[in-house]
């Protein structure tokens, strides 16, 4: 069966459910766990199996890269792009997380023009020309045009509340550079949640290329519903993330109980700030004592009292209204919840 295969290497084994190396789907090659002597960039690669109708332009567009890079990474396989063979495996290298985009077709209707179609499907006219090898804009009714859009073949849907809901067509978090969930099975979420995570992990990695590995914990089951011991995580909008710890303690390979002795407030806040900038965060659960450490760090950065009050319950008490709240048990991980996707009418915040 043709499709996307992932090959990946972790820098360290992750404990407590983020542990042993796993085999990449369809490859049979075992990932190797290595402990770096110091933090450094990780070059990660995907393996893509060429499908019927693929071109280098289409593959490049689906993986947010360029044709010239594909040729450089796969010189032998792309020596004659016009005879790209189905089943050929291409390597795609990246230093930030990426996720394959979906290939979609549009059937030309009578009276359609390339510009009109481009506007209708939300892509550029030049993109349609490039992906379909069009030398001119003349089209025929019944002609099939290909273009790409974000997300998997089957769109997801978040239904109900995080504590009493379900997930339809949950998308599995792909492996990628700079983060790992190891062998955890319950890492499914809405397309919207996966998009936010990949974008934010990539932005964080670009700004902090030598930051330690991000530890990703539980998200949701493939179809949502109860996920003991969690009360929530039921509708594909929750994710647990490990705190970032001081350099002298690296490599950290699990979610550790965190306090002043091991928290890296600068990097932890840099990660949280990346997510907050999306305006898609509904709530974040962080232990009250760790809120204090982040609050004091931001005070030194001259954050206004008004802004700090919007962000933290500390020092006003654990019942105060704020975006970041205390819930028992969040001293070794951050719990982040995103707002309902705009397209999910049965989702409840």
Foldseek 3Di string as FASTA:
>chain_A
DFWWKFDWAEQAAFPDQRGDWDGIPPPPDTHDHHFDPAFFFDKGKIKHFAAPLDALLQQCVQFVHDSVVQCVQPVVQCVPRVCNDGGDITMDIDRADTDGWDKDKDFDAPPDWLCNVCVVVVHHSVSQCVSAVNPDGDDDGRDMTIDTDHDDPDFKAFFEEQLATKIGQWDAQDDDTQEGSHRRQQRTAGSVQSVLVRVLRRVLCVVPVRFARKYKYHAAHSTFDDDPPDSGSRGRFKIKIFAGWDRVPPPHRYQDQDAPVTGPLVSRVSSVVSSVVVVFWQAKEAAQRVLVVNLVVVVVVVDDPVVSLQADCPPVDQVRHHRYHYDPPRRRIMMIGTDGDPVHPNYDD
